Amino acid sequence: MSTYAATLDDVRAAAQRIAPYAHITPVMTCSELDARSGRSLFFKCEIFQKVGAFKFRGACNAVMKLDDAAAAAGVVTHSSGNHAQALALAAR
């Protein structure tokens, strides 16, 4: 079992790596939901990301981290949804 935990530096490096490829998506709020919940709620609108899902960020980062030999071998996934679409786009 892996005990890997991403550090803040890992997150920053990933953000920098995918910046040329991923859209900057808005964060929205809703005063009605804030009032009902008694909290400030923030919604990251990843529906505006490529392939309509946050999965593009992870797929893009994974592909960008491949070394030359691994990249030459290609990538494979088993998914019928957003992850497959994201990986296919990132692998281009």
N, C-alpha and C. Protein backbone atom coordinates (compact mmCIF):
# COMPACT_ATOMS: atom_id res chain seq x y z
N MET A 1 0.84 -1.17 0.00
CA MET A 1 0.00 0.00 0.00
C MET A 1 0.89 1.24 0.00
N SER A 2 0.59 2.19 -0.85
CA SER A 2 1.37 3.41 -0.97
C SER A 2 1.03 4.38 0.16
N THR A 3 2.05 5.07 0.63
CA THR A 3 1.82 6.11 1.63
C THR A 3 2.12 7.49 1.04
N TYR A 4 2.10 7.57 -0.29
CA TYR A 4 2.41 8.83 -0.97
C TYR A 4 1.40 9.90 -0.61
N ALA A 5 1.91 11.05 -0.27
CA ALA A 5 1.05 12.21 -0.03
C ALA A 5 1.67 13.38 -0.78
N ALA A 6 0.86 14.06 -1.55
CA ALA A 6 1.35 15.21 -2.31
C ALA A 6 1.64 16.37 -1.36
N THR A 7 2.76 17.01 -1.60
CA THR A 7 3.12 18.19 -0.82
C THR A 7 2.63 19.44 -1.56
N LEU A 8 2.68 20.56 -0.89
CA LEU A 8 2.32 21.82 -1.54
C LEU A 8 3.25 22.09 -2.72
N ASP A 9 4.52 21.75 -2.58
CA ASP A 9 5.46 21.92 -3.70
C ASP A 9 5.07 21.03 -4.87
N ASP A 10 4.60 19.80 -4.60
CA ASP A 10 4.13 18.91 -5.67
C ASP A 10 2.96 19.54 -6.41
N VAL A 11 2.03 20.11 -5.67
CA VAL A 11 0.85 20.74 -6.27
C VAL A 11 1.26 21.93 -7.12
N ARG A 12 2.16 22.74 -6.59
CA ARG A 12 2.64 23.90 -7.35
C ARG A 12 3.36 23.48 -8.63
N ALA A 13 4.18 22.44 -8.54
CA ALA A 13 4.90 21.94 -9.72
C ALA A 13 3.92 21.41 -10.76
N ALA A 14 2.91 20.69 -10.31
CA ALA A 14 1.90 20.16 -11.24
C ALA A 14 1.14 21.31 -11.91
N ALA A 15 0.77 22.31 -11.14
CA ALA A 15 0.05 23.46 -11.70
C ALA A 15 0.89 24.15 -12.77
N GLN A 16 2.17 24.30 -12.50
CA GLN A 16 3.06 24.93 -13.47
C GLN A 16 3.22 24.05 -14.72
N ARG A 17 3.31 22.74 -14.52
CA ARG A 17 3.49 21.80 -15.63
C ARG A 17 2.30 21.83 -16.58
N ILE A 18 1.08 21.90 -16.04
CA ILE A 18 -0.11 21.81 -16.89
C ILE A 18 -0.64 23.16 -17.33
N ALA A 19 -0.09 24.24 -16.80
CA ALA A 19 -0.60 25.59 -17.10
C ALA A 19 -0.76 25.88 -18.60
N PRO A 20 0.18 25.46 -19.45
CA PRO A 20 0.00 25.77 -20.87
C PRO A 20 -1.14 25.00 -21.54
N TYR A 21 -1.64 23.98 -20.88
CA TYR A 21 -2.63 23.09 -21.50
C TYR A 21 -4.02 23.17 -20.89
N ALA A 22 -4.10 23.45 -19.60
CA ALA A 22 -5.40 23.45 -18.91
C ALA A 22 -6.01 24.85 -18.90
N HIS A 23 -7.32 24.89 -18.92
CA HIS A 23 -8.03 26.17 -18.80
C HIS A 23 -8.01 26.62 -17.34
N ILE A 24 -8.02 27.92 -17.15
CA ILE A 24 -8.26 28.48 -15.82
C ILE A 24 -9.77 28.54 -15.66
N THR A 25 -10.30 27.82 -14.70
CA THR A 25 -11.75 27.74 -14.53
C THR A 25 -12.19 28.61 -13.36
N PRO A 26 -13.40 29.15 -13.43
CA PRO A 26 -13.85 30.07 -12.39
C PRO A 26 -14.24 29.36 -11.09
N VAL A 27 -14.16 30.12 -10.02
CA VAL A 27 -14.70 29.70 -8.73
C VAL A 27 -15.92 30.58 -8.50
N MET A 28 -17.06 29.95 -8.24
CA MET A 28 -18.29 30.71 -8.07
C MET A 28 -18.83 30.51 -6.65
N THR A 29 -19.69 31.43 -6.26
CA THR A 29 -20.35 31.35 -4.96
C THR A 29 -21.85 31.51 -5.16
N CYS A 30 -22.59 31.21 -4.13
CA CYS A 30 -24.05 31.35 -4.18
C CYS A 30 -24.51 31.84 -2.80
N SER A 31 -24.95 33.08 -2.73
CA SER A 31 -25.35 33.65 -1.44
C SER A 31 -26.51 32.89 -0.81
N GLU A 32 -27.42 32.37 -1.63
CA GLU A 32 -28.54 31.59 -1.11
C GLU A 32 -28.05 30.33 -0.40
N LEU A 33 -27.12 29.61 -1.02
CA LEU A 33 -26.58 28.40 -0.39
C LEU A 33 -25.73 28.74 0.83
N ASP A 34 -25.00 29.85 0.77
CA ASP A 34 -24.24 30.29 1.95
C ASP A 34 -25.19 30.52 3.13
N ALA A 35 -26.29 31.22 2.86
CA ALA A 35 -27.27 31.52 3.92
C ALA A 35 -27.89 30.24 4.47
N ARG A 36 -28.25 29.33 3.61
CA ARG A 36 -28.88 28.07 4.06
C ARG A 36 -27.93 27.20 4.86
N SER A 37 -26.66 27.20 4.47
CA SER A 37 -25.69 26.32 5.14
C SER A 37 -25.00 26.98 6.33
N GLY A 38 -25.08 28.31 6.40
CA GLY A 38 -24.37 29.00 7.47
C GLY A 38 -22.87 29.01 7.26
N ARG A 39 -22.45 28.79 6.04
CA ARG A 39 -21.04 28.72 5.68
C ARG A 39 -20.83 29.46 4.37
N SER A 40 -19.58 29.80 4.10
CA SER A 40 -19.23 30.33 2.78
C SER A 40 -18.83 29.14 1.91
N LEU A 41 -19.57 28.92 0.84
CA LEU A 41 -19.31 27.81 -0.06
C LEU A 41 -18.70 28.33 -1.35
N PHE A 42 -17.75 27.58 -1.88
CA PHE A 42 -17.08 27.94 -3.13
C PHE A 42 -17.16 26.75 -4.07
N PHE A 43 -17.49 27.02 -5.32
CA PHE A 43 -17.68 25.97 -6.31
C PHE A 43 -16.69 26.17 -7.45
N LYS A 44 -15.78 25.22 -7.62
CA LYS A 44 -14.81 25.27 -8.71
C LYS A 44 -15.48 24.69 -9.94
N CYS A 45 -15.66 25.49 -10.94
CA CYS A 45 -16.46 25.11 -12.11
C CYS A 45 -15.64 24.38 -13.16
N GLU A 46 -15.31 23.14 -12.87
CA GLU A 46 -14.50 22.34 -13.78
C GLU A 46 -15.28 21.88 -15.01
N ILE A 47 -16.56 22.17 -15.07
CA ILE A 47 -17.31 21.87 -16.29
C ILE A 47 -16.79 22.70 -17.45
N PHE A 48 -16.05 23.76 -17.15
CA PHE A 48 -15.46 24.60 -18.19
C PHE A 48 -14.05 24.16 -18.57
N GLN A 49 -13.57 23.09 -17.93
CA GLN A 49 -12.26 22.54 -18.26
C GLN A 49 -12.34 21.73 -19.55
N LYS A 50 -11.22 21.50 -20.18
CA LYS A 50 -11.20 20.64 -21.36
C LYS A 50 -11.82 19.30 -20.98
N VAL A 51 -12.55 18.71 -21.84
CA VAL A 51 -13.36 17.49 -21.68
C VAL A 51 -14.43 17.63 -20.60
N GLY A 52 -14.62 18.83 -20.08
CA GLY A 52 -15.71 19.08 -19.15
C GLY A 52 -15.53 18.51 -17.76
N ALA A 53 -14.28 18.24 -17.37
CA ALA A 53 -14.06 17.61 -16.06
C ALA A 53 -12.67 17.93 -15.52
N PHE A 54 -12.54 17.90 -14.20
CA PHE A 54 -11.25 18.12 -13.55
C PHE A 54 -10.25 17.04 -13.92
N LYS A 55 -10.71 15.91 -14.41
CA LYS A 55 -9.83 14.78 -14.70
C LYS A 55 -8.73 15.14 -15.69
N PHE A 56 -8.98 16.16 -16.52
CA PHE A 56 -7.95 16.57 -17.48
C PHE A 56 -6.69 17.02 -16.75
N ARG A 57 -6.84 17.67 -15.62
CA ARG A 57 -5.68 18.16 -14.88
C ARG A 57 -4.76 17.00 -14.47
N GLY A 58 -5.33 15.97 -13.89
CA GLY A 58 -4.54 14.82 -13.45
C GLY A 58 -3.95 14.04 -14.60
N ALA A 59 -4.74 13.84 -15.65
CA ALA A 59 -4.25 13.10 -16.81
C ALA A 59 -3.12 13.86 -17.48
N CYS A 60 -3.28 15.15 -17.64
CA CYS A 60 -2.26 15.98 -18.26
C CYS A 60 -0.97 15.95 -17.43
N ASN A 61 -1.10 16.09 -16.13
CA ASN A 61 0.07 16.05 -15.26
C ASN A 61 0.78 14.70 -15.36
N ALA A 62 0.02 13.62 -15.36
CA ALA A 62 0.62 12.28 -15.44
C ALA A 62 1.37 12.10 -16.75
N VAL A 63 0.78 12.53 -17.85
CA VAL A 63 1.43 12.39 -19.16
C VAL A 63 2.68 13.27 -19.22
N MET A 64 2.59 14.48 -18.69
CA MET A 64 3.73 15.40 -18.74
C MET A 64 4.91 14.89 -17.89
N LYS A 65 4.65 14.06 -16.90
CA LYS A 65 5.71 13.54 -16.03
C LYS A 65 6.39 12.30 -16.61
N LEU A 66 5.87 11.74 -17.69
CA LEU A 66 6.47 10.54 -18.26
C LEU A 66 7.86 10.84 -18.81
N ASP A 67 8.79 9.91 -18.61
CA ASP A 67 10.10 10.08 -19.24
C ASP A 67 9.97 9.69 -20.72
N ASP A 68 11.01 9.93 -21.49
CA ASP A 68 10.93 9.71 -22.94
C ASP A 68 10.57 8.27 -23.31
N ALA A 69 11.15 7.30 -22.60
CA ALA A 69 10.87 5.90 -22.90
C ALA A 69 9.42 5.55 -22.62
N ALA A 70 8.91 6.00 -21.50
CA ALA A 70 7.51 5.72 -21.15
C ALA A 70 6.57 6.43 -22.11
N ALA A 71 6.90 7.66 -22.48
CA ALA A 71 6.05 8.40 -23.42
C ALA A 71 6.02 7.72 -24.78
N ALA A 72 7.17 7.20 -25.21
CA ALA A 72 7.23 6.50 -26.50
C ALA A 72 6.39 5.23 -26.49
N ALA A 73 6.27 4.60 -25.33
CA ALA A 73 5.46 3.38 -25.21
C ALA A 73 3.98 3.68 -25.26
N GLY A 74 3.60 4.91 -24.93
CA GLY A 74 2.19 5.29 -24.96
C GLY A 74 1.51 5.10 -23.62
N VAL A 75 0.24 5.43 -23.59
CA VAL A 75 -0.55 5.32 -22.37
C VAL A 75 -1.80 4.49 -22.63
N VAL A 76 -2.28 3.85 -21.58
CA VAL A 76 -3.47 3.02 -21.67
C VAL A 76 -4.33 3.29 -20.44
N THR A 77 -5.63 3.32 -20.63
CA THR A 77 -6.54 3.45 -19.50
C THR A 77 -7.75 2.57 -19.74
N HIS A 78 -8.47 2.28 -18.68
CA HIS A 78 -9.74 1.58 -18.80
C HIS A 78 -10.79 2.50 -18.20
N SER A 79 -11.54 3.14 -19.07
CA SER A 79 -12.56 4.08 -18.62
C SER A 79 -13.50 4.32 -19.78
N SER A 80 -14.75 4.53 -19.46
CA SER A 80 -15.70 4.87 -20.52
C SER A 80 -16.19 6.30 -20.34
N GLY A 81 -15.48 7.05 -19.51
CA GLY A 81 -15.97 8.39 -19.20
C GLY A 81 -14.92 9.46 -19.29
N ASN A 82 -14.99 10.39 -18.33
CA ASN A 82 -14.15 11.58 -18.35
C ASN A 82 -12.66 11.27 -18.31
N HIS A 83 -12.26 10.26 -17.56
CA HIS A 83 -10.84 9.96 -17.46
C HIS A 83 -10.29 9.52 -18.81
N ALA A 84 -11.00 8.68 -19.52
CA ALA A 84 -10.54 8.23 -20.83
C ALA A 84 -10.44 9.40 -21.80
N GLN A 85 -11.43 10.26 -21.80
CA GLN A 85 -11.39 11.44 -22.68
C GLN A 85 -10.22 12.35 -22.31
N ALA A 86 -10.02 12.54 -21.02
CA ALA A 86 -8.93 13.40 -20.56
C ALA A 86 -7.57 12.83 -20.93
N LEU A 87 -7.38 11.54 -20.73
CA LEU A 87 -6.10 10.92 -21.05
C LEU A 87 -5.84 10.95 -22.55
N ALA A 88 -6.86 10.69 -23.34
CA ALA A 88 -6.69 10.73 -24.80
C ALA A 88 -6.27 12.12 -25.26
N LEU A 89 -6.88 13.15 -24.70
CA LEU A 89 -6.52 14.52 -25.07
C LEU A 89 -5.12 14.86 -24.58
N ALA A 90 -4.80 14.50 -23.35
CA ALA A 90 -3.49 14.80 -22.79
C ALA A 90 -2.37 14.08 -23.54
N ALA A 91 -2.64 12.88 -24.02
CA ALA A 91 -1.63 12.09 -24.71
C ALA A 91 -1.31 12.60 -26.11
N ARG A 92 -2.15 13.46 -26.63
CA ARG A 92 -1.87 14.03 -27.95
C ARG A 92 -0.58 14.76 -27.89
